[in-house]
ModelCIF file with pLDDT and N, C-alpha, C, O atoms, coordinates in Angstrom:
data_MODEL
#
_entry.id   MODEL 
#
_entity.id                         1 
_entity.type                       polymer 
_entity.pdbx_number_of_molecules   1 
#
_entity_poly.entity_id                      1 
_entity_poly.type                           'polypeptide(L)' 
_entity_poly.nstd_linkage                   no 
_entity_poly.nstd_monomer                   no 
_entity_poly.pdbx_seq_one_letter_code       ATVRRRDKSVRRPCFATDGRRMLMPAFGVTTGGLDLRHRAMAGLFERE 
_entity_poly.pdbx_seq_one_letter_code_can   ATVRRRDKSVRRPCFATDGRRMLMPAFGVTTGGLDLRHRAMAGLFERE 
_entity_poly.pdbx_strand_id                 A 
#
loop_
_entity_poly_seq.entity_id 
_entity_poly_seq.num 
_entity_poly_seq.mon_id 
_entity_poly_seq.hetero 
1 1  ALA n 
1 2  THR n 
1 3  VAL n 
1 4  ARG n 
1 5  ARG n 
1 6  ARG n 
1 7  ASP n 
1 8  LYS n 
1 9  SER n 
1 10 VAL n 
1 11 ARG n 
1 12 ARG n 
1 13 PRO n 
1 14 CYS n 
1 15 PHE n 
1 16 ALA n 
1 17 THR n 
1 18 ASP n 
1 19 GLY n 
1 20 ARG n 
1 21 ARG n 
1 22 MET n 
1 23 LEU n 
1 24 MET n 
1 25 PRO n 
1 26 ALA n 
1 27 PHE n 
1 28 GLY n 
1 29 VAL n 
1 30 THR n 
1 31 THR n 
1 32 GLY n 
1 33 GLY n 
1 34 LEU n 
1 35 ASP n 
1 36 LEU n 
1 37 ARG n 
1 38 HIS n 
1 39 ARG n 
1 40 ALA n 
1 41 MET n 
1 42 ALA n 
1 43 GLY n 
1 44 LEU n 
1 45 PHE n 
1 46 GLU n 
1 47 ARG n 
1 48 GLU n 
#
_struct_asym.id          A 
_struct_asym.entity_id   1 
#
loop_
_ma_qa_metric.id 
_ma_qa_metric.mode 
_ma_qa_metric.name 
_ma_qa_metric.software_group_id 
_ma_qa_metric.type 
1 global pLDDT . pLDDT 
2 local  pLDDT . pLDDT 
#
_ma_qa_metric_global.metric_id      1 
_ma_qa_metric_global.metric_value   93.62 
_ma_qa_metric_global.model_id       1 
_ma_qa_metric_global.ordinal_id     1 
#
loop_
_ma_qa_metric_local.label_asym_id 
_ma_qa_metric_local.label_comp_id 
_ma_qa_metric_local.label_seq_id 
_ma_qa_metric_local.metric_id 
_ma_qa_metric_local.metric_value 
_ma_qa_metric_local.model_id 
_ma_qa_metric_local.ordinal_id 
A ALA 1  2 97.00 1 1  
A THR 2  2 95.00 1 2  
A VAL 3  2 94.00 1 3  
A ARG 4  2 86.00 1 4  
A ARG 5  2 75.00 1 5  
A ARG 6  2 76.00 1 6  
A ASP 7  2 78.00 1 7  
A LYS 8  2 86.00 1 8  
A SER 9  2 91.00 1 9  
A VAL 10 2 91.00 1 10 
A ARG 11 2 93.00 1 11 
A ARG 12 2 95.00 1 12 
A PRO 13 2 96.00 1 13 
A CYS 14 2 97.00 1 14 
A PHE 15 2 98.00 1 15 
A ALA 16 2 98.00 1 16 
A THR 17 2 98.00 1 17 
A ASP 18 2 98.00 1 18 
A GLY 19 2 97.00 1 19 
A ARG 20 2 97.00 1 20 
A ARG 21 2 98.00 1 21 
A MET 22 2 98.00 1 22 
A LEU 23 2 98.00 1 23 
A MET 24 2 98.00 1 24 
A PRO 25 2 97.00 1 25 
A ALA 26 2 96.00 1 26 
A PHE 27 2 97.00 1 27 
A GLY 28 2 94.00 1 28 
A VAL 29 2 90.00 1 29 
A THR 30 2 85.00 1 30 
A THR 31 2 89.00 1 31 
A GLY 32 2 85.00 1 32 
A GLY 33 2 92.00 1 33 
A LEU 34 2 96.00 1 34 
A ASP 35 2 96.00 1 35 
A LEU 36 2 97.00 1 36 
A ARG 37 2 95.00 1 37 
A HIS 38 2 96.00 1 38 
A ARG 39 2 96.00 1 39 
A ALA 40 2 96.00 1 40 
A MET 41 2 96.00 1 41 
A ALA 42 2 95.00 1 42 
A GLY 43 2 95.00 1 43 
A LEU 44 2 97.00 1 44 
A PHE 45 2 97.00 1 45 
A GLU 46 2 96.00 1 46 
A ARG 47 2 96.00 1 47 
A GLU 48 2 97.00 1 48 
#
loop_
_atom_site.group_PDB 
_atom_site.id 
_atom_site.type_symbol 
_atom_site.label_atom_id 
_atom_site.label_alt_id 
_atom_site.label_comp_id 
_atom_site.label_asym_id 
_atom_site.label_entity_id 
_atom_site.label_seq_id 
_atom_site.pdbx_PDB_ins_code 
_atom_site.Cartn_x 
_atom_site.Cartn_y 
_atom_site.Cartn_z 
_atom_site.occupancy 
_atom_site.B_iso_or_equiv 
_atom_site.pdbx_formal_charge 
_atom_site.auth_seq_id 
_atom_site.auth_comp_id 
_atom_site.auth_asym_id 
_atom_site.auth_atom_id 
_atom_site.pdbx_PDB_model_num 
ATOM 1   N N  . ALA A 1 1  ? -1.964  2.797   1.127   1.00 97.00 ? 1  ALA A N  1 
ATOM 2   C CA . ALA A 1 1  ? -2.278  2.411   2.549   1.00 97.00 ? 1  ALA A CA 1 
ATOM 3   C C  . ALA A 1 1  ? -2.992  3.442   3.184   1.00 97.00 ? 1  ALA A C  1 
ATOM 4   O O  . ALA A 1 1  ? -2.678  4.599   2.905   1.00 97.00 ? 1  ALA A O  1 
ATOM 5   N N  . THR A 1 2  ? -4.076  3.187   4.147   1.00 95.00 ? 2  THR A N  1 
ATOM 6   C CA . THR A 1 2  ? -4.749  4.002   5.191   1.00 95.00 ? 2  THR A CA 1 
ATOM 7   C C  . THR A 1 2  ? -4.277  4.252   6.446   1.00 95.00 ? 2  THR A C  1 
ATOM 8   O O  . THR A 1 2  ? -4.133  3.217   7.097   1.00 95.00 ? 2  THR A O  1 
ATOM 9   N N  . VAL A 1 3  ? -4.007  5.184   6.975   1.00 94.00 ? 3  VAL A N  1 
ATOM 10  C CA . VAL A 1 3  ? -3.723  5.415   8.550   1.00 94.00 ? 3  VAL A CA 1 
ATOM 11  C C  . VAL A 1 3  ? -4.844  6.212   9.067   1.00 94.00 ? 3  VAL A C  1 
ATOM 12  O O  . VAL A 1 3  ? -5.757  6.650   8.367   1.00 94.00 ? 3  VAL A O  1 
ATOM 13  N N  . ARG A 1 4  ? -4.706  6.393   10.479  1.00 86.00 ? 4  ARG A N  1 
ATOM 14  C CA . ARG A 1 4  ? -5.581  7.321   11.100  1.00 86.00 ? 4  ARG A CA 1 
ATOM 15  C C  . ARG A 1 4  ? -4.530  8.484   11.437  1.00 86.00 ? 4  ARG A C  1 
ATOM 16  O O  . ARG A 1 4  ? -3.369  8.236   11.761  1.00 86.00 ? 4  ARG A O  1 
ATOM 17  N N  . ARG A 1 5  ? -5.085  9.853   11.322  1.00 75.00 ? 5  ARG A N  1 
ATOM 18  C CA . ARG A 1 5  ? -4.154  10.749  11.655  1.00 75.00 ? 5  ARG A CA 1 
ATOM 19  C C  . ARG A 1 5  ? -5.067  11.900  12.261  1.00 75.00 ? 5  ARG A C  1 
ATOM 20  O O  . ARG A 1 5  ? -5.762  12.519  11.455  1.00 75.00 ? 5  ARG A O  1 
ATOM 21  N N  . ARG A 1 6  ? -5.125  12.210  13.473  1.00 76.00 ? 6  ARG A N  1 
ATOM 22  C CA . ARG A 1 6  ? -5.837  13.359  13.882  1.00 76.00 ? 6  ARG A CA 1 
ATOM 23  C C  . ARG A 1 6  ? -7.432  13.299  13.730  1.00 76.00 ? 6  ARG A C  1 
ATOM 24  O O  . ARG A 1 6  ? -8.224  14.162  13.352  1.00 76.00 ? 6  ARG A O  1 
ATOM 25  N N  . ASP A 1 7  ? -7.631  11.936  14.170  1.00 78.00 ? 7  ASP A N  1 
ATOM 26  C CA . ASP A 1 7  ? -9.033  11.611  14.084  1.00 78.00 ? 7  ASP A CA 1 
ATOM 27  C C  . ASP A 1 7  ? -9.637  11.602  12.723  1.00 78.00 ? 7  ASP A C  1 
ATOM 28  O O  . ASP A 1 7  ? -10.851 11.757  12.591  1.00 78.00 ? 7  ASP A O  1 
ATOM 29  N N  . LYS A 1 8  ? -8.930  11.446  11.814  1.00 86.00 ? 8  LYS A N  1 
ATOM 30  C CA . LYS A 1 8  ? -9.473  11.420  10.213  1.00 86.00 ? 8  LYS A CA 1 
ATOM 31  C C  . LYS A 1 8  ? -8.618  10.027  9.549   1.00 86.00 ? 8  LYS A C  1 
ATOM 32  O O  . LYS A 1 8  ? -7.623  9.585   10.125  1.00 86.00 ? 8  LYS A O  1 
ATOM 33  N N  . SER A 1 9  ? -9.075  9.504   8.455   1.00 91.00 ? 9  SER A N  1 
ATOM 34  C CA . SER A 1 9  ? -8.178  8.588   7.844   1.00 91.00 ? 9  SER A CA 1 
ATOM 35  C C  . SER A 1 9  ? -7.588  9.270   6.748   1.00 91.00 ? 9  SER A C  1 
ATOM 36  O O  . SER A 1 9  ? -8.217  10.103  6.096   1.00 91.00 ? 9  SER A O  1 
ATOM 37  N N  . VAL A 1 10 ? -6.231  8.909   6.477   1.00 91.00 ? 10 VAL A N  1 
ATOM 38  C CA . VAL A 1 10 ? -5.583  9.381   5.414   1.00 91.00 ? 10 VAL A CA 1 
ATOM 39  C C  . VAL A 1 10 ? -4.842  8.255   4.518   1.00 91.00 ? 10 VAL A C  1 
ATOM 40  O O  . VAL A 1 10 ? -4.042  7.512   5.086   1.00 91.00 ? 10 VAL A O  1 
ATOM 41  N N  . ARG A 1 11 ? -5.058  8.126   3.294   1.00 93.00 ? 11 ARG A N  1 
ATOM 42  C CA . ARG A 1 11 ? -4.747  7.205   2.306   1.00 93.00 ? 11 ARG A CA 1 
ATOM 43  C C  . ARG A 1 11 ? -3.432  7.917   1.630   1.00 93.00 ? 11 ARG A C  1 
ATOM 44  O O  . ARG A 1 11 ? -3.437  9.125   1.394   1.00 93.00 ? 11 ARG A O  1 
ATOM 45  N N  . ARG A 1 12 ? -2.263  7.047   1.324   1.00 95.00 ? 12 ARG A N  1 
ATOM 46  C CA . ARG A 1 12 ? -1.046  7.468   0.773   1.00 95.00 ? 12 ARG A CA 1 
ATOM 47  C C  . ARG A 1 12 ? -0.665  6.364   -0.053  1.00 95.00 ? 12 ARG A C  1 
ATOM 48  O O  . ARG A 1 12 ? -0.931  5.213   0.294   1.00 95.00 ? 12 ARG A O  1 
ATOM 49  N N  . PRO A 1 13 ? -0.032  6.636   -1.177  1.00 96.00 ? 13 PRO A N  1 
ATOM 50  C CA . PRO A 1 13 ? 0.913   5.896   -1.868  1.00 96.00 ? 13 PRO A CA 1 
ATOM 51  C C  . PRO A 1 13 ? 1.917   5.210   -1.128  1.00 96.00 ? 13 PRO A C  1 
ATOM 52  O O  . PRO A 1 13 ? 2.286   5.901   -0.179  1.00 96.00 ? 13 PRO A O  1 
ATOM 53  N N  . CYS A 1 14 ? 2.502   4.107   -1.202  1.00 97.00 ? 14 CYS A N  1 
ATOM 54  C CA . CYS A 1 14 ? 3.495   3.382   -0.483  1.00 97.00 ? 14 CYS A CA 1 
ATOM 55  C C  . CYS A 1 14 ? 4.402   2.634   -1.089  1.00 97.00 ? 14 CYS A C  1 
ATOM 56  O O  . CYS A 1 14 ? 4.116   2.284   -2.234  1.00 97.00 ? 14 CYS A O  1 
ATOM 57  N N  . PHE A 1 15 ? 5.560   2.240   -0.586  1.00 98.00 ? 15 PHE A N  1 
ATOM 58  C CA . PHE A 1 15 ? 6.586   1.159   -0.614  1.00 98.00 ? 15 PHE A CA 1 
ATOM 59  C C  . PHE A 1 15 ? 5.943   0.027   0.216   1.00 98.00 ? 15 PHE A C  1 
ATOM 60  O O  . PHE A 1 15 ? 5.577   0.240   1.372   1.00 98.00 ? 15 PHE A O  1 
ATOM 61  N N  . ALA A 1 16 ? 5.795   -1.286  -0.434  1.00 98.00 ? 16 ALA A N  1 
ATOM 62  C CA . ALA A 1 16 ? 5.348   -2.347  0.576   1.00 98.00 ? 16 ALA A CA 1 
ATOM 63  C C  . ALA A 1 16 ? 6.430   -3.250  0.486   1.00 98.00 ? 16 ALA A C  1 
ATOM 64  O O  . ALA A 1 16 ? 6.991   -3.424  -0.596  1.00 98.00 ? 16 ALA A O  1 
ATOM 65  N N  . THR A 1 17 ? 6.851   -3.960  1.712   1.00 98.00 ? 17 THR A N  1 
ATOM 66  C CA . THR A 1 17 ? 7.872   -4.838  1.841   1.00 98.00 ? 17 THR A CA 1 
ATOM 67  C C  . THR A 1 17 ? 7.616   -5.590  3.050   1.00 98.00 ? 17 THR A C  1 
ATOM 68  O O  . THR A 1 17 ? 7.229   -5.095  4.108   1.00 98.00 ? 17 THR A O  1 
ATOM 69  N N  . ASP A 1 18 ? 7.922   -7.166  2.774   1.00 98.00 ? 18 ASP A N  1 
ATOM 70  C CA . ASP A 1 18 ? 7.809   -7.823  4.016   1.00 98.00 ? 18 ASP A CA 1 
ATOM 71  C C  . ASP A 1 18 ? 9.321   -8.568  4.349   1.00 98.00 ? 18 ASP A C  1 
ATOM 72  O O  . ASP A 1 18 ? 9.526   -9.510  5.114   1.00 98.00 ? 18 ASP A O  1 
ATOM 73  N N  . GLY A 1 19 ? 10.333  -7.794  3.481   1.00 97.00 ? 19 GLY A N  1 
ATOM 74  C CA . GLY A 1 19 ? 11.694  -8.248  3.744   1.00 97.00 ? 19 GLY A CA 1 
ATOM 75  C C  . GLY A 1 19 ? 12.111  -9.156  2.563   1.00 97.00 ? 19 GLY A C  1 
ATOM 76  O O  . GLY A 1 19 ? 13.310  -9.176  2.288   1.00 97.00 ? 19 GLY A O  1 
ATOM 77  N N  . ARG A 1 20 ? 11.267  -9.902  1.842   1.00 97.00 ? 20 ARG A N  1 
ATOM 78  C CA . ARG A 1 20 ? 11.314  -10.675 0.914   1.00 97.00 ? 20 ARG A CA 1 
ATOM 79  C C  . ARG A 1 20 ? 11.292  -10.085 -0.277  1.00 97.00 ? 20 ARG A C  1 
ATOM 80  O O  . ARG A 1 20 ? 12.225  -10.230 -1.067  1.00 97.00 ? 20 ARG A O  1 
ATOM 81  N N  . ARG A 1 21 ? 10.340  -9.429  -0.519  1.00 98.00 ? 21 ARG A N  1 
ATOM 82  C CA . ARG A 1 21 ? 10.110  -8.599  -1.869  1.00 98.00 ? 21 ARG A CA 1 
ATOM 83  C C  . ARG A 1 21 ? 9.378   -7.310  -1.711  1.00 98.00 ? 21 ARG A C  1 
ATOM 84  O O  . ARG A 1 21 ? 8.575   -7.133  -0.795  1.00 98.00 ? 21 ARG A O  1 
ATOM 85  N N  . MET A 1 22 ? 9.665   -6.400  -2.624  1.00 98.00 ? 22 MET A N  1 
ATOM 86  C CA . MET A 1 22 ? 8.817   -4.877  -2.385  1.00 98.00 ? 22 MET A CA 1 
ATOM 87  C C  . MET A 1 22 ? 8.184   -4.651  -3.664  1.00 98.00 ? 22 MET A C  1 
ATOM 88  O O  . MET A 1 22 ? 8.731   -4.823  -4.754  1.00 98.00 ? 22 MET A O  1 
ATOM 89  N N  . LEU A 1 23 ? 6.964   -4.244  -3.465  1.00 98.00 ? 23 LEU A N  1 
ATOM 90  C CA . LEU A 1 23 ? 6.256   -3.368  -4.398  1.00 98.00 ? 23 LEU A CA 1 
ATOM 91  C C  . LEU A 1 23 ? 6.404   -1.763  -4.479  1.00 98.00 ? 23 LEU A C  1 
ATOM 92  O O  . LEU A 1 23 ? 6.149   -0.964  -3.578  1.00 98.00 ? 23 LEU A O  1 
ATOM 93  N N  . MET A 1 24 ? 6.768   -1.551  -5.478  1.00 98.00 ? 24 MET A N  1 
ATOM 94  C CA . MET A 1 24 ? 6.898   0.069   -5.588  1.00 98.00 ? 24 MET A CA 1 
ATOM 95  C C  . MET A 1 24 ? 5.690   0.909   -5.739  1.00 98.00 ? 24 MET A C  1 
ATOM 96  O O  . MET A 1 24 ? 4.702   0.494   -6.345  1.00 98.00 ? 24 MET A O  1 
ATOM 97  N N  . PRO A 1 25 ? 5.738   1.854   -5.306  1.00 97.00 ? 25 PRO A N  1 
ATOM 98  C CA . PRO A 1 25 ? 4.343   3.065   -5.500  1.00 97.00 ? 25 PRO A CA 1 
ATOM 99  C C  . PRO A 1 25 ? 4.557   3.352   -7.046  1.00 97.00 ? 25 PRO A C  1 
ATOM 100 O O  . PRO A 1 25 ? 5.552   3.103   -7.727  1.00 97.00 ? 25 PRO A O  1 
ATOM 101 N N  . ALA A 1 26 ? 3.457   3.894   -7.387  1.00 96.00 ? 26 ALA A N  1 
ATOM 102 C CA . ALA A 1 26 ? 3.604   4.443   -8.814  1.00 96.00 ? 26 ALA A CA 1 
ATOM 103 C C  . ALA A 1 26 ? 4.027   5.931   -8.624  1.00 96.00 ? 26 ALA A C  1 
ATOM 104 O O  . ALA A 1 26 ? 3.620   6.711   -7.763  1.00 96.00 ? 26 ALA A O  1 
ATOM 105 N N  . PHE A 1 27 ? 5.006   6.169   -9.697  1.00 97.00 ? 27 PHE A N  1 
ATOM 106 C CA . PHE A 1 27 ? 5.759   7.376   -9.735  1.00 97.00 ? 27 PHE A CA 1 
ATOM 107 C C  . PHE A 1 27 ? 4.791   8.397   -10.565 1.00 97.00 ? 27 PHE A C  1 
ATOM 108 O O  . PHE A 1 27 ? 4.737   9.525   -10.076 1.00 97.00 ? 27 PHE A O  1 
ATOM 109 N N  . GLY A 1 28 ? 4.114   8.206   -11.598 1.00 94.00 ? 28 GLY A N  1 
ATOM 110 C CA . GLY A 1 28 ? 3.375   9.236   -12.473 1.00 94.00 ? 28 GLY A CA 1 
ATOM 111 C C  . GLY A 1 28 ? 2.516   10.029  -11.794 1.00 94.00 ? 28 GLY A C  1 
ATOM 112 O O  . GLY A 1 28 ? 1.977   9.528   -10.808 1.00 94.00 ? 28 GLY A O  1 
ATOM 113 N N  . VAL A 1 29 ? 2.243   11.205  -12.097 1.00 90.00 ? 29 VAL A N  1 
ATOM 114 C CA . VAL A 1 29 ? 1.565   12.109  -11.289 1.00 90.00 ? 29 VAL A CA 1 
ATOM 115 C C  . VAL A 1 29 ? -0.009  11.654  -11.297 1.00 90.00 ? 29 VAL A C  1 
ATOM 116 O O  . VAL A 1 29 ? -0.765  11.810  -10.337 1.00 90.00 ? 29 VAL A O  1 
ATOM 117 N N  . THR A 1 30 ? -0.365  11.070  -12.536 1.00 85.00 ? 30 THR A N  1 
ATOM 118 C CA . THR A 1 30 ? -2.059  11.066  -12.614 1.00 85.00 ? 30 THR A CA 1 
ATOM 119 C C  . THR A 1 30 ? -2.373  9.354   -12.313 1.00 85.00 ? 30 THR A C  1 
ATOM 120 O O  . THR A 1 30 ? -3.220  8.742   -12.964 1.00 85.00 ? 30 THR A O  1 
ATOM 121 N N  . THR A 1 31 ? -1.736  8.860   -11.475 1.00 89.00 ? 31 THR A N  1 
ATOM 122 C CA . THR A 1 31 ? -1.856  7.606   -11.489 1.00 89.00 ? 31 THR A CA 1 
ATOM 123 C C  . THR A 1 31 ? -2.679  7.244   -9.830  1.00 89.00 ? 31 THR A C  1 
ATOM 124 O O  . THR A 1 31 ? -2.413  7.837   -8.784  1.00 89.00 ? 31 THR A O  1 
ATOM 125 N N  . GLY A 1 32 ? -3.643  6.188   -9.983  1.00 85.00 ? 32 GLY A N  1 
ATOM 126 C CA . GLY A 1 32 ? -4.350  5.850   -8.851  1.00 85.00 ? 32 GLY A CA 1 
ATOM 127 C C  . GLY A 1 32 ? -3.401  4.824   -7.903  1.00 85.00 ? 32 GLY A C  1 
ATOM 128 O O  . GLY A 1 32 ? -2.179  4.735   -8.018  1.00 85.00 ? 32 GLY A O  1 
ATOM 129 N N  . GLY A 1 33 ? -4.190  4.100   -6.985  1.00 92.00 ? 33 GLY A N  1 
ATOM 130 C CA . GLY A 1 33 ? -3.618  3.141   -6.281  1.00 92.00 ? 33 GLY A CA 1 
ATOM 131 C C  . GLY A 1 33 ? -4.585  1.953   -5.585  1.00 92.00 ? 33 GLY A C  1 
ATOM 132 O O  . GLY A 1 33 ? -5.755  2.123   -5.244  1.00 92.00 ? 33 GLY A O  1 
ATOM 133 N N  . LEU A 1 34 ? -3.948  0.928   -5.480  1.00 96.00 ? 34 LEU A N  1 
ATOM 134 C CA . LEU A 1 34 ? -4.804  -0.270  -4.627  1.00 96.00 ? 34 LEU A CA 1 
ATOM 135 C C  . LEU A 1 34 ? -4.360  -0.424  -3.235  1.00 96.00 ? 34 LEU A C  1 
ATOM 136 O O  . LEU A 1 34 ? -3.179  -0.577  -2.921  1.00 96.00 ? 34 LEU A O  1 
ATOM 137 N N  . ASP A 1 35 ? -5.422  -0.377  -2.346  1.00 96.00 ? 35 ASP A N  1 
ATOM 138 C CA . ASP A 1 35 ? -5.172  -0.926  -0.914  1.00 96.00 ? 35 ASP A CA 1 
ATOM 139 C C  . ASP A 1 35 ? -4.302  -2.210  -0.757  1.00 96.00 ? 35 ASP A C  1 
ATOM 140 O O  . ASP A 1 35 ? -4.388  -3.103  -1.600  1.00 96.00 ? 35 ASP A O  1 
ATOM 141 N N  . LEU A 1 36 ? -3.410  -2.318  0.383   1.00 97.00 ? 36 LEU A N  1 
ATOM 142 C CA . LEU A 1 36 ? -2.765  -3.485  0.435   1.00 97.00 ? 36 LEU A CA 1 
ATOM 143 C C  . LEU A 1 36 ? -3.366  -4.399  0.602   1.00 97.00 ? 36 LEU A C  1 
ATOM 144 O O  . LEU A 1 36 ? -2.909  -5.528  0.419   1.00 97.00 ? 36 LEU A O  1 
ATOM 145 N N  . ARG A 1 37 ? -4.801  -4.109  1.077   1.00 95.00 ? 37 ARG A N  1 
ATOM 146 C CA . ARG A 1 37 ? -5.786  -5.485  1.551   1.00 95.00 ? 37 ARG A CA 1 
ATOM 147 C C  . ARG A 1 37 ? -6.410  -5.836  0.262   1.00 95.00 ? 37 ARG A C  1 
ATOM 148 O O  . ARG A 1 37 ? -7.155  -6.816  0.275   1.00 95.00 ? 37 ARG A O  1 
ATOM 149 N N  . HIS A 1 38 ? -6.239  -5.227  -0.812  1.00 96.00 ? 38 HIS A N  1 
ATOM 150 C CA . HIS A 1 38 ? -7.102  -5.609  -1.901  1.00 96.00 ? 38 HIS A CA 1 
ATOM 151 C C  . HIS A 1 38 ? -6.628  -7.042  -2.561  1.00 96.00 ? 38 HIS A C  1 
ATOM 152 O O  . HIS A 1 38 ? -5.446  -7.383  -2.525  1.00 96.00 ? 38 HIS A O  1 
ATOM 153 N N  . ARG A 1 39 ? -7.599  -7.805  -3.134  1.00 96.00 ? 39 ARG A N  1 
ATOM 154 C CA . ARG A 1 39 ? -7.524  -9.115  -3.415  1.00 96.00 ? 39 ARG A CA 1 
ATOM 155 C C  . ARG A 1 39 ? -6.439  -9.212  -4.217  1.00 96.00 ? 39 ARG A C  1 
ATOM 156 O O  . ARG A 1 39 ? -5.855  -10.290 -4.110  1.00 96.00 ? 39 ARG A O  1 
ATOM 157 N N  . ALA A 1 40 ? -5.842  -8.216  -5.209  1.00 96.00 ? 40 ALA A N  1 
ATOM 158 C CA . ALA A 1 40 ? -4.942  -8.203  -6.111  1.00 96.00 ? 40 ALA A CA 1 
ATOM 159 C C  . ALA A 1 40 ? -3.628  -8.506  -5.370  1.00 96.00 ? 40 ALA A C  1 
ATOM 160 O O  . ALA A 1 40 ? -2.747  -9.023  -6.057  1.00 96.00 ? 40 ALA A O  1 
ATOM 161 N N  . MET A 1 41 ? -3.321  -8.231  -3.890  1.00 96.00 ? 41 MET A N  1 
ATOM 162 C CA . MET A 1 41 ? -2.218  -8.370  -3.184  1.00 96.00 ? 41 MET A CA 1 
ATOM 163 C C  . MET A 1 41 ? -2.142  -9.757  -2.466  1.00 96.00 ? 41 MET A C  1 
ATOM 164 O O  . MET A 1 41 ? -1.217  -10.012 -1.695  1.00 96.00 ? 41 MET A O  1 
ATOM 165 N N  . ALA A 1 42 ? -3.047  -10.562 -2.717  1.00 95.00 ? 42 ALA A N  1 
ATOM 166 C CA . ALA A 1 42 ? -3.113  -11.599 -1.795  1.00 95.00 ? 42 ALA A CA 1 
ATOM 167 C C  . ALA A 1 42 ? -1.987  -12.663 -2.172  1.00 95.00 ? 42 ALA A C  1 
ATOM 168 O O  . ALA A 1 42 ? -1.662  -13.036 -3.299  1.00 95.00 ? 42 ALA A O  1 
ATOM 169 N N  . GLY A 1 43 ? -1.587  -12.970 -1.202  1.00 95.00 ? 43 GLY A N  1 
ATOM 170 C CA . GLY A 1 43 ? -0.401  -14.160 -1.080  1.00 95.00 ? 43 GLY A CA 1 
ATOM 171 C C  . GLY A 1 43 ? 1.052   -13.717 -1.420  1.00 95.00 ? 43 GLY A C  1 
ATOM 172 O O  . GLY A 1 43 ? 2.059   -14.419 -1.330  1.00 95.00 ? 43 GLY A O  1 
ATOM 173 N N  . LEU A 1 44 ? 0.964   -12.217 -1.892  1.00 97.00 ? 44 LEU A N  1 
ATOM 174 C CA . LEU A 1 44 ? 2.309   -11.671 -2.037  1.00 97.00 ? 44 LEU A CA 1 
ATOM 175 C C  . LEU A 1 44 ? 3.433   -11.306 -1.130  1.00 97.00 ? 44 LEU A C  1 
ATOM 176 O O  . LEU A 1 44 ? 4.594   -11.037 -1.437  1.00 97.00 ? 44 LEU A O  1 
ATOM 177 N N  . PHE A 1 45 ? 2.770   -11.356 0.257   1.00 97.00 ? 45 PHE A N  1 
ATOM 178 C CA . PHE A 1 45 ? 3.406   -10.879 1.353   1.00 97.00 ? 45 PHE A CA 1 
ATOM 179 C C  . PHE A 1 45 ? 2.989   -11.755 2.483   1.00 97.00 ? 45 PHE A C  1 
ATOM 180 O O  . PHE A 1 45 ? 1.960   -12.428 2.543   1.00 97.00 ? 45 PHE A O  1 
ATOM 181 N N  . GLU A 1 46 ? 4.169   -11.625 3.586   1.00 96.00 ? 46 GLU A N  1 
ATOM 182 C CA . GLU A 1 46 ? 3.864   -12.483 4.892   1.00 96.00 ? 46 GLU A CA 1 
ATOM 183 C C  . GLU A 1 46 ? 3.562   -11.273 5.667   1.00 96.00 ? 46 GLU A C  1 
ATOM 184 O O  . GLU A 1 46 ? 4.361   -10.386 5.966   1.00 96.00 ? 46 GLU A O  1 
ATOM 185 N N  . ARG A 1 47 ? 2.215   -11.347 5.978   1.00 96.00 ? 47 ARG A N  1 
ATOM 186 C CA . ARG A 1 47 ? 1.530   -9.950  6.430   1.00 96.00 ? 47 ARG A CA 1 
ATOM 187 C C  . ARG A 1 47 ? 2.085   -9.840  7.765   1.00 96.00 ? 47 ARG A C  1 
ATOM 188 O O  . ARG A 1 47 ? 2.104   -8.672  8.155   1.00 96.00 ? 47 ARG A O  1 
ATOM 189 N N  . GLU A 1 48 ? 2.590   -10.774 8.674   1.00 97.00 ? 48 GLU A N  1 
ATOM 190 C CA . GLU A 1 48 ? 3.225   -10.346 10.001  1.00 97.00 ? 48 GLU A CA 1 
ATOM 191 C C  . GLU A 1 48 ? 4.585   -9.593  10.087  1.00 97.00 ? 48 GLU A C  1 
ATOM 192 O O  . GLU A 1 48 ? 5.046   -9.275  11.183  1.00 97.00 ? 48 GLU A O  1 
#
């Protein structure tokens, strides 16, 4: 996920949960990531 911090955007791996399920961040040191708004995440969470 990406947040704004000190006038710049910062992207970080994250745990993602809506209280029903959780997606884990990748633990390996050479792994990339998908933003929570990516189409692969569609329908997995109650965004509110």
